[in-house]
Protein backbone atom coordinates (compact mmCIF):
# COMPACT_ATOMS: atom_id res chain seq x y z
CA MET A 1 -101.46 -141.56 -60.68
CA ASN A 2 -101.93 -142.75 -57.12
CA LEU A 3 -104.56 -144.83 -55.41
CA SER A 4 -105.57 -142.03 -53.05
CA GLN A 5 -107.61 -140.52 -55.90
CA ILE A 6 -110.01 -143.45 -55.53
CA ARG A 7 -111.94 -142.26 -52.51
CA TYR A 8 -113.81 -145.39 -51.42
CA PRO A 9 -116.11 -148.14 -52.74
CA VAL A 10 -119.79 -147.23 -52.57
CA ALA A 11 -121.88 -149.63 -50.48
CA THR A 12 -125.62 -149.23 -51.07
CA ARG A 13 -128.41 -151.66 -51.76
CA SER A 14 -128.33 -151.04 -55.52
CA THR A 15 -124.54 -151.40 -55.73
CA ALA A 16 -124.75 -154.64 -53.74
CA ASN A 17 -127.25 -155.98 -56.29
CA SER A 18 -124.94 -155.04 -59.17
CA LEU A 19 -122.12 -157.21 -57.75
CA GLU A 20 -123.88 -160.19 -59.34
CA TRP A 21 -122.95 -158.71 -62.74
CA ARG A 22 -119.36 -157.97 -61.61
CA ARG A 23 -120.00 -154.19 -61.40
CA TYR A 24 -118.20 -152.30 -58.65
CA THR A 25 -118.89 -148.66 -57.80
CA PHE A 26 -116.24 -146.24 -56.53
CA ASP A 27 -116.14 -142.53 -55.74
CA VAL A 28 -113.10 -141.06 -57.48
CA ALA A 29 -111.54 -137.64 -57.96
CA PRO A 30 -113.40 -135.57 -60.59
CA ASN A 31 -110.27 -134.93 -62.67
CA LEU A 32 -109.68 -138.64 -63.47
CA THR A 33 -110.47 -139.93 -66.95
CA LYS A 34 -111.86 -143.36 -67.78
CA PRO A 35 -108.49 -144.77 -68.98
CA GLU A 36 -106.81 -143.55 -65.78
CA ILE A 37 -109.50 -145.17 -63.63
CA ARG A 38 -109.13 -148.40 -65.62
CA ARG A 39 -105.33 -148.47 -65.14
CA MET A 40 -105.61 -147.75 -61.40
CA ILE A 41 -108.17 -150.49 -60.77
CA GLU A 42 -106.29 -153.05 -62.90
CA LYS A 43 -102.93 -152.29 -61.31
CA SER A 44 -104.03 -152.08 -57.69
CA PHE A 45 -106.44 -155.05 -57.59
CA ASP A 46 -104.88 -157.29 -60.31
CA VAL A 47 -108.13 -157.66 -62.27
CA GLN A 48 -109.17 -157.19 -65.92
CA VAL A 49 -111.59 -154.27 -66.46
CA ILE A 50 -114.10 -154.58 -69.31
CA SER A 51 -115.72 -151.14 -69.08
CA VAL A 52 -115.80 -147.96 -66.99
CA ASN A 53 -118.88 -145.74 -66.75
CA THR A 54 -118.72 -142.42 -64.91
CA HIS A 55 -120.99 -139.59 -63.84
CA LEU A 56 -120.70 -136.54 -61.62
CA ARG A 57 -122.80 -136.53 -58.49
CA PRO A 58 -124.81 -133.33 -57.85
CA ARG A 59 -123.35 -131.03 -55.22
CA LYS A 60 -125.02 -130.97 -51.83
CA ARG A 61 -125.88 -127.54 -50.52
CA ARG A 62 -124.80 -126.70 -46.98
CA GLY A 63 -126.31 -123.89 -44.95
CA MET A 64 -123.67 -121.59 -43.55
CA ALA A 65 -123.65 -118.16 -41.96
CA ARG A 66 -123.64 -115.34 -44.54
CA GLY A 67 -124.57 -117.20 -47.63
CA GLY A 68 -124.30 -120.81 -48.50
CA GLY A 69 -121.73 -123.35 -49.37
CA SER A 70 -121.45 -126.74 -50.92
CA CYS A 71 -119.59 -129.97 -50.35
CA PRO A 72 -116.75 -130.96 -52.68
CA GLN A 73 -117.90 -132.73 -55.82
CA TRP A 74 -116.81 -136.32 -56.52
CA LYS A 75 -117.15 -138.45 -59.61
CA ARG A 76 -118.76 -141.87 -59.37
CA ALA A 77 -117.21 -144.68 -61.44
CA ILE A 78 -118.95 -147.97 -62.18
CA VAL A 79 -116.37 -150.59 -63.16
CA THR A 80 -117.32 -153.86 -64.88
CA LEU A 81 -114.84 -156.72 -64.48
CA GLN A 82 -114.06 -159.74 -66.61
CA GLU A 83 -115.81 -162.96 -65.61
CA GLY A 84 -113.97 -164.73 -62.81
CA ASP A 85 -112.38 -161.56 -61.41
CA ARG A 86 -113.51 -159.93 -58.19
CA ILE A 87 -112.41 -157.15 -55.86
CA PRO A 88 -112.38 -157.88 -52.12
CA LEU A 89 -114.48 -155.16 -50.50
CA THR A 90 -112.92 -154.77 -47.06
CA ALA A 91 -112.15 -151.81 -44.83
CA ASP A 92 -108.47 -151.69 -45.79
CA LEU A 93 -108.96 -149.90 -49.16
């Protein structure tokens, strides 16, 4: 279990709006389970996680010579924190 399996925090308009409810969105490796994601977030950011929701993003098709290809698939995790906890979203993750 290492932190490199958490790819990066997702920064979109809808994820910025969900910060009011202490929900943070991360792209993680597809082989991680919810308990593993919970342990990684709690250990690395020293916060208390209430719930973890996950879903697989659809693969993006890429046009290539002689057939097609696709980008690697990543899992998206939405983590809800206990009231009073927060994760600093800076470039050093």
